[in-house]
Amino acid sequence: MIKSLHISNYALISQIDIDLCTGLNIVTGETGAGKSVMLGALGLLLGGRADMRVVRDSERKSVIEAVATIGDVPGIDAVFEENNLDRVTDGVCILRRELLPGGRSRAFINDTPVTLQVLKAVALRLIDIHSQHQNLLLADTDYQLSIIDSLADNADERALYSVAYAAYRRALKAYTDMRELLRRSAADAQYLQFQLSQLDEMKLQHGEQEQLERDRELLANATAIKQHLRSALGPMAEDNINAIGVLAEAAMHCRALGDMIEDGESLAARIDSARIEIQDIAESLSDLDSNVQVNPAMLDDVEERLGALYSLELKHHVDTVDELINLRESLRSKLAAIEGGEDSLSELEMKARMAKKEAMTHARALSDTRRVAAQDFADELTRRAMPLGMKNLRCEIAFNAGKLMPSGLDVIEFRFAFNKNQTPLPIGGTASGGEISRLMLTIKSIVAERMQLPTIIFDEVDTGVSGDVASRMADMMLGLAGRLQVVAITHLPAVAARGQAHFRVYKQDTSDSTETHITRLTEEQRERELALMLSGCDDDAAALAAARSLLKKQ
């Protein structure tokens, strides 16, 4: 139940704060006063799309906040637990949505930041808003199915079916994909085999392109490389006078000094160390010289192999031999799939059939729950709607078995007859606006009671009715308010007079703007408001007397 509502900086609203009561809350006001603006703000708490154009002052944030008691609302604990939300000790839940300058939006539950999806999941278990345009949904088969599901208590069956249906769709896709692959591949098998033969003939090896490119670089520059190597080797080891020989002679002379100077032997050892290092370098250069060959024929072979690799890579739009090897194995797999494809296809087809059979089993079980709920709903709807001036009402809910769909097998259709000897027909072509309003009020009252919704808001659900029927609709709303909180926006005095709390929405001009306000009416103010609704004048004696008479019937 909503205890209080705060709206600030939203459309024509600078700031309003109202405390709602248990039971039936009535909201009245002239057309255009801002009642729909309030509903739009509440819609943001239910996950509605944020339109930043409604922010009154773009430099400040807009805030919509509802304080609600949650008690034992079905499913609410699971949502709190799944999202690590703490329930406050007094059973109060604070829902808040903020529209920030710059176009961003934030959501909070009990001052904890949450995603919009989490805010919506909680709010939809606390509040249901029935606006005028929802009357049109009564002719929508998906909406009709959602009504039956909400009454059938079939959440477990729907969950089982969803899992089975998803498995069936995956199995069916695997089968159809393989069938399409075989169809395409069979036509392309000859070409695939030609491509594979080309790749096999190349005898590709991982890393060979890089090695060939290094070999090519070496062979192409072999003459210059050998010249540099020989020039380095000469003075180091091969010339008549070379570094190794000179160092050996120097070491000999230093040893001869060993008896004459203190460091002679150590100097000789150091020279020997340098000579050994230079000799090792010379041997490395000599090995390189031996390995470098001036071989034009080998260079031609390397160039030819690289050219063949480059050509193949260009043809297949790849950059490396490794990618060519991967392509080769892919082609081999495709050809193997073609060769053994019929067996694979048969296996996938069997899996799809079994998955469909499983989904059908769950779909029929789901359908059974709906058929039972549909009959109970039709009987209850007829019983409750008859006092609203529809004594000849008959309701039938037709089930048409369709193909497997995300929602199951059922395509349902609400059919109504409002007169004797009339064949029940779809709602769209048989009901007046007033009849649809009465049906929707009845449906909403049934759904709200079964789902134990704490609060339901009716936006002019009584449109198109008057007189005794209006009084009976007021009685229905009052009866519903005995079990949950009802907020009714209305233009009918007979409905407004039945409320336990009455709020008036009005616009007021300031020096530079127009603002929407809402105030709770005293008993005297209620009389004048009802007189205004009855006659267009709030001080007409006859209208005031009629208003007092209506209030006494409360």
Protein backbone atom coordinates (compact mmCIF):
# COMPACT_ATOMS: atom_id res chain seq x y z
CA MET A 1 0.00 0.00 0.00
CA ILE A 2 1.24 3.48 -0.87
CA LYS A 3 1.56 5.55 2.29
CA SER A 4 2.87 8.72 0.70
CA LEU A 5 3.85 10.11 -2.67
CA HIS A 6 6.36 12.86 -3.45
CA ILE A 7 6.79 14.43 -6.90
CA SER A 8 9.04 17.40 -7.60
CA ASN A 9 10.19 19.33 -10.68
CA TYR A 10 8.03 17.25 -13.01
CA ALA A 11 5.98 18.85 -15.83
CA LEU A 12 3.61 21.39 -14.20
CA ILE A 13 4.42 20.08 -10.74
CA SER A 14 6.89 22.12 -8.71
CA GLN A 15 6.40 19.91 -5.68
CA ILE A 16 3.54 17.87 -4.26
CA ASP A 17 3.44 15.60 -1.20
CA ILE A 18 0.34 13.58 -0.40
CA ASP A 19 -0.52 10.91 2.15
CA LEU A 20 -2.89 8.24 0.86
CA CYS A 21 -5.20 6.28 3.13
CA THR A 22 -6.17 2.64 3.15
CA GLY A 23 -9.36 1.85 1.27
CA LEU A 24 -10.73 4.01 -1.55
CA ASN A 25 -8.87 7.21 -2.46
CA ILE A 26 -10.64 9.52 -4.92
CA VAL A 27 -8.86 12.00 -7.19
CA THR A 28 -10.88 14.61 -9.08
CA GLY A 29 -10.16 17.79 -10.95
CA GLU A 30 -10.93 19.59 -14.16
CA THR A 31 -9.68 18.20 -17.45
CA GLY A 32 -6.09 19.35 -17.95
CA ALA A 33 -5.51 20.04 -14.27
CA GLY A 34 -2.67 17.52 -14.11
CA LYS A 35 -4.15 14.17 -13.09
CA SER A 36 -2.49 12.41 -16.02
CA VAL A 37 0.80 14.11 -15.10
CA MET A 38 0.68 12.36 -11.73
CA LEU A 39 0.09 9.03 -13.42
CA GLY A 40 3.00 9.67 -15.76
CA ALA A 41 5.24 10.29 -12.76
CA LEU A 42 4.06 7.10 -11.07
CA GLY A 43 4.69 5.25 -14.32
CA LEU A 44 8.39 6.10 -13.96
CA LEU A 45 8.45 4.09 -10.72
CA LEU A 46 7.05 1.15 -12.68
CA GLY A 47 9.96 1.27 -15.12
CA GLY A 48 8.47 3.68 -17.66
CA ARG A 49 10.69 5.40 -20.20
CA ALA A 50 12.12 8.68 -18.94
CA ASP A 51 11.34 11.63 -21.22
CA MET A 52 13.59 14.48 -20.11
CA ARG A 53 11.23 16.99 -21.71
CA VAL A 54 8.92 16.60 -18.69
CA VAL A 55 11.55 17.96 -16.30
CA ARG A 56 10.27 21.36 -15.22
CA ASP A 57 13.65 22.98 -14.50
CA SER A 58 16.39 21.36 -16.58
CA GLU A 59 19.04 22.62 -14.16
CA ARG A 60 17.66 20.56 -11.26
CA LYS A 61 16.83 16.90 -10.87
CA SER A 62 13.26 15.63 -10.90
CA VAL A 63 12.30 13.21 -8.12
CA ILE A 64 9.40 10.77 -7.88
CA GLU A 65 9.25 8.85 -4.62
CA ALA A 66 6.66 6.52 -3.13
CA VAL A 67 6.72 5.13 0.39
CA ALA A 68 4.86 1.83 0.47
CA THR A 69 4.20 -0.92 2.97
CA ILE A 70 4.99 -4.35 1.57
CA GLY A 71 3.80 -6.83 4.18
CA ASP A 72 3.46 -10.31 2.68
CA VAL A 73 3.28 -9.33 -0.99
CA PRO A 74 3.76 -12.52 -3.07
CA GLY A 75 7.19 -12.76 -4.69
CA ILE A 76 8.60 -9.64 -3.08
CA ASP A 77 11.03 -11.50 -0.79
CA ALA A 78 12.50 -13.39 -3.75
CA VAL A 79 13.19 -10.14 -5.61
CA PHE A 80 14.85 -8.60 -2.56
CA GLU A 81 16.97 -11.72 -1.98
CA GLU A 82 18.03 -12.09 -5.63
CA ASN A 83 19.22 -8.47 -5.71
CA ASN A 84 20.80 -8.31 -2.24
CA LEU A 85 18.32 -5.73 -1.01
CA ASP A 86 17.62 -5.31 2.69
CA ARG A 87 14.05 -5.17 3.94
CA VAL A 88 13.57 -2.51 6.57
CA THR A 89 12.23 -3.65 9.92
CA ASP A 90 8.95 -1.74 9.77
CA GLY A 91 7.98 -3.29 6.44
CA VAL A 92 8.30 -0.01 4.53
CA CYS A 93 9.70 0.13 1.01
CA ILE A 94 10.86 3.43 -0.51
CA LEU A 95 10.84 3.51 -4.31
CA ARG A 96 12.57 6.49 -5.93
CA ARG A 97 13.34 7.53 -9.50
CA GLU A 98 15.47 10.56 -10.30
CA LEU A 99 15.81 12.32 -13.65
CA LEU A 100 19.11 14.18 -13.62
CA PRO A 101 20.28 17.21 -15.61
CA GLY A 102 21.99 16.00 -18.74
CA GLY A 103 19.50 13.25 -19.47
CA ARG A 104 20.56 10.53 -17.02
CA SER A 105 18.18 8.57 -14.82
CA ARG A 106 18.74 6.80 -11.48
CA ALA A 107 16.64 4.34 -9.48
CA PHE A 108 16.71 3.51 -5.75
CA ILE A 109 15.01 1.08 -3.38
CA ASN A 110 15.36 1.96 0.29
CA ASP A 111 18.10 4.42 -0.76
CA THR A 112 20.12 1.62 -2.38
CA PRO A 113 20.96 2.23 -6.06
CA VAL A 114 19.34 -0.41 -8.30
CA THR A 115 18.84 -1.00 -11.99
CA LEU A 116 15.61 0.08 -13.63
CA GLN A 117 14.70 -3.59 -14.10
CA VAL A 118 14.94 -4.24 -10.36
CA LEU A 119 12.87 -1.14 -9.55
CA LYS A 120 10.24 -2.33 -12.02
CA ALA A 121 10.24 -5.88 -10.59
CA VAL A 122 9.50 -4.54 -7.11
CA ALA A 123 7.06 -1.80 -8.12
CA LEU A 124 4.91 -4.10 -10.28
CA ARG A 125 4.33 -6.28 -7.22
CA LEU A 126 3.10 -3.27 -5.27
CA ILE A 127 1.20 -1.07 -7.74
CA ASP A 128 -1.02 -1.65 -10.77
CA ILE A 129 -2.06 1.35 -12.85
CA HIS A 130 -5.07 0.98 -15.11
CA SER A 131 -5.22 3.90 -17.50
CA GLN A 132 -7.88 4.63 -20.10
CA HIS A 133 -5.85 3.37 -23.05
CA GLN A 134 -5.64 -0.06 -21.43
CA ASN A 135 -9.30 -0.59 -22.29
CA LEU A 136 -8.09 -1.14 -25.84
CA LEU A 137 -5.91 -4.00 -24.62
CA LEU A 138 -8.99 -6.05 -23.81
CA ALA A 139 -9.21 -7.01 -27.50
CA ASP A 140 -5.52 -8.03 -27.62
CA THR A 141 -5.05 -11.81 -27.45
CA ASP A 142 -1.65 -11.54 -25.77
CA TYR A 143 -3.16 -9.39 -23.02
CA GLN A 144 -6.02 -11.85 -22.65
CA LEU A 145 -3.53 -14.69 -22.23
CA SER A 146 -1.62 -12.70 -19.60
CA ILE A 147 -4.86 -12.29 -17.61
CA ILE A 148 -5.47 -16.04 -17.62
CA ASP A 149 -1.85 -16.77 -16.65
CA SER A 150 -2.04 -14.29 -13.78
CA LEU A 151 -5.02 -16.22 -12.40
CA ALA A 152 -3.86 -19.76 -13.18
CA ASP A 153 -1.01 -19.85 -10.64
CA ASN A 154 1.04 -21.63 -13.30
CA ALA A 155 4.45 -20.00 -12.85
CA ASP A 156 6.13 -23.40 -12.36
CA GLU A 157 4.53 -24.84 -15.50
CA ARG A 158 5.49 -21.77 -17.52
CA ALA A 159 9.09 -22.01 -16.29
CA LEU A 160 9.32 -25.71 -17.22
CA TYR A 161 7.83 -25.00 -20.62
CA SER A 162 10.24 -22.12 -21.26
CA VAL A 163 13.22 -24.39 -20.63
CA ALA A 164 11.80 -27.14 -22.84
CA TYR A 165 10.84 -24.71 -25.60
CA ALA A 166 14.32 -23.16 -25.61
CA ALA A 167 15.87 -26.65 -25.87
CA TYR A 168 13.54 -27.48 -28.75
CA ARG A 169 14.42 -24.27 -30.60
CA ARG A 170 18.15 -25.01 -30.20
CA ALA A 171 17.72 -28.58 -31.46
CA LEU A 172 15.59 -27.42 -34.37
CA LYS A 173 18.16 -24.79 -35.32
CA ALA A 174 20.97 -27.34 -35.21
CA TYR A 175 18.96 -29.59 -37.54
CA THR A 176 17.98 -26.85 -39.99
CA ASP A 177 21.51 -25.43 -40.01
CA MET A 178 22.96 -28.86 -40.84
CA ARG A 179 20.33 -29.44 -43.50
CA GLU A 180 21.11 -26.09 -45.10
CA LEU A 181 24.84 -26.77 -44.83
CA LEU A 182 24.43 -30.11 -46.57
CA ARG A 183 22.30 -28.55 -49.28
CA ARG A 184 24.87 -25.86 -49.97
CA SER A 185 27.88 -28.08 -49.43
CA ALA A 186 26.67 -30.83 -51.72
CA ALA A 187 26.51 -28.35 -54.56
CA ASP A 188 29.95 -27.03 -53.66
CA ALA A 189 31.62 -30.37 -52.88
CA GLN A 190 33.54 -30.54 -56.14
CA TYR A 191 34.92 -27.05 -55.70
CA LEU A 192 35.75 -27.76 -52.04
CA GLN A 193 37.64 -30.88 -53.11
CA PHE A 194 39.57 -28.87 -55.71
CA GLN A 195 40.55 -26.30 -53.08
CA LEU A 196 41.59 -29.02 -50.63
CA SER A 197 43.69 -30.76 -53.30
CA GLN A 198 45.57 -27.53 -53.98
CA LEU A 199 46.31 -27.07 -50.30
CA ASP A 200 47.31 -30.71 -49.81
CA GLU A 201 49.70 -30.57 -52.78
CA MET A 202 51.54 -27.67 -51.17
CA LYS A 203 52.40 -29.83 -48.12
CA LEU A 204 52.21 -26.79 -45.91
CA GLN A 205 54.28 -26.64 -42.72
CA HIS A 206 53.79 -24.37 -39.72
CA GLY A 207 56.36 -21.54 -39.71
CA GLU A 208 57.76 -22.31 -43.17
CA GLN A 209 56.93 -18.94 -44.66
CA GLU A 210 58.95 -17.12 -42.03
CA GLN A 211 61.91 -19.49 -42.53
CA LEU A 212 61.74 -19.12 -46.31
CA GLU A 213 61.71 -15.35 -46.03
CA ARG A 214 64.82 -15.51 -43.83
CA ASP A 215 66.50 -17.91 -46.33
CA ARG A 216 65.66 -15.60 -49.20
CA GLU A 217 67.20 -12.65 -47.42
CA LEU A 218 70.35 -14.66 -46.78
CA LEU A 219 70.68 -16.06 -50.32
CA ALA A 220 69.94 -12.74 -51.98
CA ASN A 221 72.79 -11.09 -50.06
CA ALA A 222 75.17 -14.09 -49.90
CA THR A 223 78.01 -12.47 -51.90
CA ALA A 224 78.05 -9.31 -49.82
CA ILE A 225 77.74 -11.31 -46.59
CA LYS A 226 80.71 -13.54 -47.49
CA GLN A 227 82.80 -10.50 -48.43
CA HIS A 228 82.16 -8.91 -45.03
CA LEU A 229 82.84 -12.17 -43.22
CA ARG A 230 86.16 -12.66 -45.05
CA SER A 231 87.15 -9.08 -44.38
CA ALA A 232 86.45 -9.61 -40.69
CA LEU A 233 88.23 -12.98 -40.52
CA GLY A 234 91.43 -11.78 -42.26
CA PRO A 235 92.82 -9.36 -39.67
CA MET A 236 91.36 -11.42 -36.88
CA ALA A 237 92.82 -14.86 -37.72
CA GLU A 238 93.85 -15.52 -41.33
CA ASP A 239 96.17 -12.74 -42.50
CA ASN A 240 99.95 -13.20 -42.15
CA ILE A 241 99.79 -10.73 -39.34
CA ASN A 242 96.51 -11.25 -37.44
CA ALA A 243 95.11 -10.45 -34.03
CA ILE A 244 95.35 -13.99 -32.67
CA GLY A 245 99.04 -14.32 -33.59
CA VAL A 246 99.93 -10.86 -32.30
CA LEU A 247 98.18 -11.56 -28.97
CA ALA A 248 99.95 -14.94 -28.63
CA GLU A 249 103.33 -13.22 -29.14
CA ALA A 250 102.40 -10.48 -26.64
CA ALA A 251 101.44 -13.08 -24.04
CA MET A 252 104.80 -14.83 -24.58
CA HIS A 253 106.74 -11.59 -23.90
CA CYS A 254 104.69 -10.87 -20.76
CA ARG A 255 105.51 -14.32 -19.37
CA ALA A 256 109.18 -13.63 -20.08
CA LEU A 257 108.81 -10.63 -17.79
CA GLY A 258 107.45 -12.82 -15.05
CA ASP A 259 110.74 -12.94 -13.13
CA MET A 260 111.43 -9.28 -13.70
CA ILE A 261 108.15 -7.56 -12.86
CA GLU A 262 105.46 -8.45 -10.38
CA ASP A 263 102.43 -8.45 -12.82
CA GLY A 264 104.01 -10.17 -15.81
CA GLU A 265 102.17 -13.48 -15.40
CA SER A 266 98.77 -11.89 -14.75
CA LEU A 267 99.14 -9.66 -17.80
CA ALA A 268 99.96 -12.70 -19.91
CA ALA A 269 96.85 -14.46 -18.58
CA ARG A 270 94.64 -11.49 -19.46
CA ILE A 271 96.10 -11.38 -23.00
CA ASP A 272 95.44 -15.12 -23.36
CA SER A 273 91.83 -14.56 -22.30
CA ALA A 274 91.40 -11.87 -24.98
CA ARG A 275 93.08 -14.12 -27.56
CA ILE A 276 90.76 -17.04 -26.71
CA GLU A 277 87.67 -14.79 -27.02
CA ILE A 278 88.86 -13.47 -30.40
CA GLN A 279 89.64 -17.01 -31.55
CA ASP A 280 86.08 -18.08 -30.56
CA ILE A 281 84.65 -15.13 -32.52
CA ALA A 282 86.78 -16.06 -35.50
CA GLU A 283 85.49 -19.63 -35.39
CA SER A 284 81.89 -18.34 -35.29
CA LEU A 285 82.57 -16.11 -38.29
CA SER A 286 84.15 -19.05 -40.08
CA ASP A 287 81.08 -21.22 -39.40
CA LEU A 288 78.84 -18.47 -40.77
CA ASP A 289 81.04 -18.19 -43.83
CA SER A 290 80.77 -21.96 -44.39
CA ASN A 291 76.97 -21.87 -44.08
CA VAL A 292 76.45 -18.94 -46.44
CA GLN A 293 76.24 -20.21 -49.98
CA VAL A 294 76.18 -18.21 -53.14
CA ASN A 295 73.57 -20.43 -54.81
CA PRO A 296 71.36 -18.75 -57.44
CA ALA A 297 69.49 -22.02 -58.08
CA MET A 298 68.53 -22.37 -54.41
CA LEU A 299 67.45 -18.72 -54.34
CA ASP A 300 65.19 -19.40 -57.34
CA ASP A 301 63.66 -22.37 -55.52
CA VAL A 302 62.96 -20.28 -52.42
CA GLU A 303 61.47 -17.46 -54.49
CA GLU A 304 59.28 -19.95 -56.35
CA ARG A 305 58.00 -21.53 -53.10
CA LEU A 306 57.28 -18.15 -51.54
CA GLY A 307 55.51 -16.99 -54.68
CA ALA A 308 53.28 -20.07 -54.56
CA LEU A 309 52.47 -19.42 -50.88
CA TYR A 310 51.75 -15.73 -51.47
CA SER A 311 49.49 -16.58 -54.41
CA LEU A 312 47.54 -19.10 -52.32
CA GLU A 313 47.18 -16.66 -49.43
CA LEU A 314 45.89 -13.97 -51.79
CA LYS A 315 43.41 -16.38 -53.31
CA HIS A 316 41.98 -17.35 -49.94
CA HIS A 317 42.20 -13.86 -48.39
CA VAL A 318 44.57 -14.86 -45.56
CA ASP A 319 47.96 -13.57 -44.44
CA THR A 320 49.88 -16.58 -43.14
CA VAL A 321 50.59 -20.24 -43.83
CA ASP A 322 49.04 -21.09 -40.45
CA GLU A 323 45.75 -19.64 -41.69
CA LEU A 324 46.07 -21.71 -44.88
CA ILE A 325 46.57 -24.81 -42.74
CA ASN A 326 43.46 -23.95 -40.68
CA LEU A 327 41.52 -23.48 -43.92
CA ARG A 328 42.77 -26.82 -45.19
CA GLU A 329 41.51 -28.61 -42.07
CA SER A 330 38.19 -26.74 -42.26
CA LEU A 331 37.71 -27.87 -45.85
CA ARG A 332 38.57 -31.40 -44.84
CA SER A 333 35.96 -31.26 -42.05
CA LYS A 334 33.31 -29.90 -44.41
CA LEU A 335 33.94 -32.63 -46.91
CA ALA A 336 33.84 -35.21 -44.11
CA ALA A 337 30.54 -33.72 -42.96
CA ILE A 338 29.17 -34.01 -46.49
CA GLU A 339 30.27 -37.61 -46.71
CA GLY A 340 28.75 -38.50 -43.34
CA GLY A 341 26.19 -35.72 -43.36
CA GLU A 342 23.09 -37.82 -43.84
CA ASP A 343 23.86 -39.77 -40.66
CA SER A 344 24.47 -36.55 -38.74
CA LEU A 345 21.31 -35.00 -40.17
CA SER A 346 19.24 -38.03 -39.14
CA GLU A 347 20.66 -37.85 -35.62
CA LEU A 348 19.91 -34.12 -35.34
CA GLU A 349 16.41 -34.65 -36.68
CA MET A 350 15.77 -37.28 -34.02
CA LYS A 351 17.02 -34.94 -31.31
CA ALA A 352 14.74 -32.16 -32.59
CA ARG A 353 11.74 -34.52 -32.60
CA MET A 354 12.46 -35.62 -29.05
CA ALA A 355 12.90 -32.01 -27.90
CA LYS A 356 9.61 -31.07 -29.56
CA LYS A 357 7.86 -33.98 -27.88
CA GLU A 358 9.19 -32.81 -24.51
CA ALA A 359 8.08 -29.23 -25.19
CA MET A 360 4.65 -30.44 -26.29
CA THR A 361 4.24 -32.36 -23.02
CA HIS A 362 4.94 -29.22 -20.99
CA ALA A 363 2.84 -27.08 -23.34
CA ARG A 364 -0.19 -29.33 -22.82
CA ALA A 365 0.30 -29.29 -19.05
CA LEU A 366 0.45 -25.49 -19.21
CA SER A 367 -2.64 -25.40 -21.39
CA ASP A 368 -4.54 -27.54 -18.86
CA THR A 369 -3.89 -24.98 -16.12
CA ARG A 370 -5.12 -22.22 -18.41
CA ARG A 371 -8.33 -24.01 -19.36
CA VAL A 372 -9.28 -24.55 -15.73
CA ALA A 373 -8.47 -20.92 -14.85
CA ALA A 374 -10.28 -19.64 -17.96
CA GLN A 375 -13.53 -21.35 -17.03
CA ASP A 376 -13.36 -20.10 -13.45
CA PHE A 377 -12.53 -16.61 -14.71
CA ALA A 378 -15.43 -16.57 -17.20
CA ASP A 379 -17.87 -17.62 -14.47
CA GLU A 380 -16.50 -15.08 -11.99
CA LEU A 381 -16.47 -12.29 -14.57
CA THR A 382 -20.07 -12.95 -15.51
CA ARG A 383 -21.17 -13.05 -11.88
CA ARG A 384 -19.44 -9.80 -10.95
CA ALA A 385 -20.32 -7.87 -14.11
CA MET A 386 -24.04 -8.62 -14.11
CA PRO A 387 -24.85 -6.09 -11.34
CA LEU A 388 -23.13 -3.41 -13.46
CA GLY A 389 -26.04 -3.30 -15.89
CA MET A 390 -24.98 -6.34 -17.92
CA LYS A 391 -27.56 -8.88 -16.71
CA ASN A 392 -27.52 -10.76 -20.03
CA LEU A 393 -23.75 -10.98 -20.22
CA ARG A 394 -22.22 -14.25 -21.35
CA CYS A 395 -18.51 -14.82 -21.51
CA GLU A 396 -16.71 -17.56 -23.39
CA ILE A 397 -12.97 -18.04 -23.68
CA ALA A 398 -12.08 -19.87 -26.86
CA PHE A 399 -8.86 -21.89 -27.07
CA ASN A 400 -7.26 -22.46 -30.45
CA ALA A 401 -4.28 -24.78 -30.54
CA GLY A 402 -1.47 -23.16 -32.50
CA LYS A 403 2.12 -24.12 -33.15
CA LEU A 404 4.66 -24.11 -30.38
CA MET A 405 5.35 -20.51 -29.37
CA PRO A 406 7.30 -18.86 -26.56
CA SER A 407 4.03 -18.60 -24.61
CA GLY A 408 2.91 -22.17 -25.29
CA LEU A 409 0.36 -23.73 -27.64
CA ASP A 410 -2.60 -21.56 -26.80
CA VAL A 411 -4.13 -18.78 -28.84
CA ILE A 412 -7.08 -17.62 -26.77
CA GLU A 413 -9.88 -15.19 -27.48
CA PHE A 414 -12.35 -13.56 -25.10
CA ARG A 415 -15.85 -13.60 -26.56
CA PHE A 416 -18.82 -11.75 -25.11
CA ALA A 417 -22.55 -11.55 -25.70
CA PHE A 418 -24.37 -8.65 -24.03
CA ASN A 419 -27.90 -9.48 -25.16
CA LYS A 420 -30.14 -12.52 -25.22
CA ASN A 421 -29.96 -14.79 -28.25
CA GLN A 422 -26.67 -13.17 -29.27
CA THR A 423 -23.73 -15.30 -30.28
CA PRO A 424 -20.64 -14.46 -28.22
CA LEU A 425 -18.20 -12.52 -30.39
CA PRO A 426 -14.74 -10.98 -29.96
CA ILE A 427 -14.87 -7.87 -27.78
CA GLY A 428 -13.69 -5.45 -30.47
CA GLY A 429 -16.79 -5.68 -32.61
CA THR A 430 -19.52 -6.07 -30.00
CA ALA A 431 -18.96 -3.81 -26.97
CA SER A 432 -19.56 -0.12 -26.43
CA GLY A 433 -17.08 2.06 -24.62
CA GLY A 434 -19.12 1.87 -21.43
CA GLU A 435 -19.36 -1.90 -21.60
CA ILE A 436 -15.61 -2.22 -22.09
CA SER A 437 -15.04 0.07 -19.08
CA ARG A 438 -17.26 -2.09 -16.89
CA LEU A 439 -15.59 -5.28 -18.10
CA MET A 440 -12.14 -3.89 -17.41
CA LEU A 441 -13.10 -2.79 -13.90
CA THR A 442 -14.42 -6.28 -13.22
CA ILE A 443 -11.34 -7.96 -14.70
CA LYS A 444 -8.99 -5.72 -12.75
CA SER A 445 -10.85 -6.40 -9.51
CA ILE A 446 -10.56 -10.17 -10.05
CA VAL A 447 -6.88 -10.04 -11.00
CA ALA A 448 -5.93 -7.67 -8.18
CA GLU A 449 -7.60 -9.87 -5.57
CA ARG A 450 -6.07 -13.11 -6.86
CA MET A 451 -2.57 -11.62 -7.16
CA GLN A 452 -2.89 -9.83 -3.79
CA LEU A 453 -1.71 -6.52 -5.22
CA PRO A 454 -1.48 -3.96 -2.40
CA THR A 455 -2.50 -0.97 -4.56
CA ILE A 456 -4.48 -0.53 -7.76
CA ILE A 457 -4.98 2.81 -9.50
CA PHE A 458 -7.94 3.35 -11.85
CA ASP A 459 -7.70 6.23 -14.30
CA GLU A 460 -11.28 7.05 -15.30
CA VAL A 461 -12.22 3.39 -15.58
CA ASP A 462 -15.83 4.60 -15.30
CA THR A 463 -15.67 6.47 -18.62
CA GLY A 464 -18.84 6.01 -20.67
CA VAL A 465 -21.17 5.11 -17.79
CA SER A 466 -23.60 7.08 -15.67
CA GLY A 467 -26.60 6.81 -13.37
CA ASP A 468 -27.23 3.56 -11.56
CA VAL A 469 -24.37 1.79 -13.33
CA ALA A 470 -21.94 4.40 -12.05
CA SER A 471 -23.16 3.77 -8.51
CA ARG A 472 -22.71 0.04 -8.94
CA MET A 473 -19.18 0.55 -10.27
CA ALA A 474 -18.51 2.71 -7.22
CA ASP A 475 -19.81 -0.12 -5.03
CA MET A 476 -17.44 -2.54 -6.75
CA MET A 477 -14.47 -0.24 -6.20
CA LEU A 478 -15.49 0.27 -2.58
CA GLY A 479 -15.79 -3.48 -2.08
CA LEU A 480 -12.37 -3.96 -3.66
CA ALA A 481 -11.00 -1.26 -1.35
CA GLY A 482 -11.94 -3.42 1.61
CA ARG A 483 -9.15 -5.82 0.62
CA LEU A 484 -6.57 -3.52 -0.94
CA GLN A 485 -5.81 0.14 -1.51
CA VAL A 486 -7.68 1.69 -4.45
CA VAL A 487 -6.97 5.06 -6.04
CA ALA A 488 -9.67 6.14 -8.50
CA ILE A 489 -9.38 9.14 -10.81
CA THR A 490 -12.94 9.97 -11.80
CA HIS A 491 -15.29 12.58 -13.25
CA LEU A 492 -18.43 10.92 -11.84
CA PRO A 493 -19.94 12.36 -8.63
CA ALA A 494 -21.49 8.99 -7.73
CA VAL A 495 -18.03 7.43 -7.68
CA ALA A 496 -16.27 10.37 -6.04
CA ALA A 497 -18.75 10.42 -3.16
CA ARG A 498 -17.83 6.86 -2.11
CA GLY A 499 -14.20 7.57 -1.33
CA GLN A 500 -12.74 7.40 2.16
CA ALA A 501 -10.27 10.14 1.15
CA HIS A 502 -10.85 12.72 -1.57
CA PHE A 503 -8.06 14.66 -3.31
CA ARG A 504 -8.52 17.54 -5.71
CA VAL A 505 -5.99 18.32 -8.46
CA TYR A 506 -5.95 21.90 -9.69
CA LYS A 507 -3.77 24.37 -11.57
CA GLN A 508 -2.69 27.73 -10.21
CA ASP A 509 -0.94 30.59 -11.97
CA THR A 510 2.04 32.36 -10.45
CA SER A 511 3.70 35.50 -11.77
CA ASP A 512 5.74 33.54 -14.30
CA SER A 513 4.34 30.01 -14.56
CA THR A 514 1.42 27.64 -14.10
CA GLU A 515 1.68 24.94 -11.46
CA THR A 516 -0.30 21.81 -10.62
CA HIS A 517 -1.26 21.23 -6.98
CA ILE A 518 -3.15 18.54 -5.10
CA THR A 519 -4.90 18.84 -1.78
CA ARG A 520 -6.96 16.55 0.41
CA LEU A 521 -10.48 17.89 0.82
CA THR A 522 -12.33 18.40 4.07
CA GLU A 523 -15.97 17.29 4.29
CA GLU A 524 -17.17 20.80 3.46
CA GLN A 525 -14.76 21.04 0.53
CA ARG A 526 -15.94 17.64 -0.72
CA GLU A 527 -19.53 18.91 -0.80
CA ARG A 528 -18.50 21.87 -2.89
CA GLU A 529 -16.34 19.71 -5.21
CA LEU A 530 -19.23 17.29 -5.80
CA ALA A 531 -21.60 20.22 -6.38
CA LEU A 532 -19.15 21.54 -8.97
CA MET A 533 -19.05 18.11 -10.65
CA LEU A 534 -22.87 17.91 -10.63
CA SER A 535 -23.77 21.37 -11.89
CA GLY A 536 -20.62 23.22 -12.82
CA CYS A 537 -21.13 25.56 -9.86
CA ASP A 538 -19.83 24.88 -6.35
CA ASP A 539 -22.37 27.08 -4.54
CA ASP A 540 -25.58 25.98 -6.25
CA ALA A 541 -28.04 25.09 -3.48
CA ALA A 542 -29.64 22.19 -5.28
CA ALA A 543 -26.26 20.78 -6.27
CA LEU A 544 -24.97 21.11 -2.71
CA ALA A 545 -28.04 19.27 -1.41
CA ALA A 546 -27.47 16.51 -3.96
CA ALA A 547 -23.80 16.35 -2.96
CA ARG A 548 -24.73 15.91 0.72
CA SER A 549 -27.17 13.17 -0.25
CA LEU A 550 -24.46 11.32 -2.18
CA LEU A 551 -22.01 11.60 0.72
CA LYS A 552 -24.57 10.17 3.16
CA LYS A 553 -24.72 6.98 1.02
CA GLN A 554 -21.05 6.35 1.63
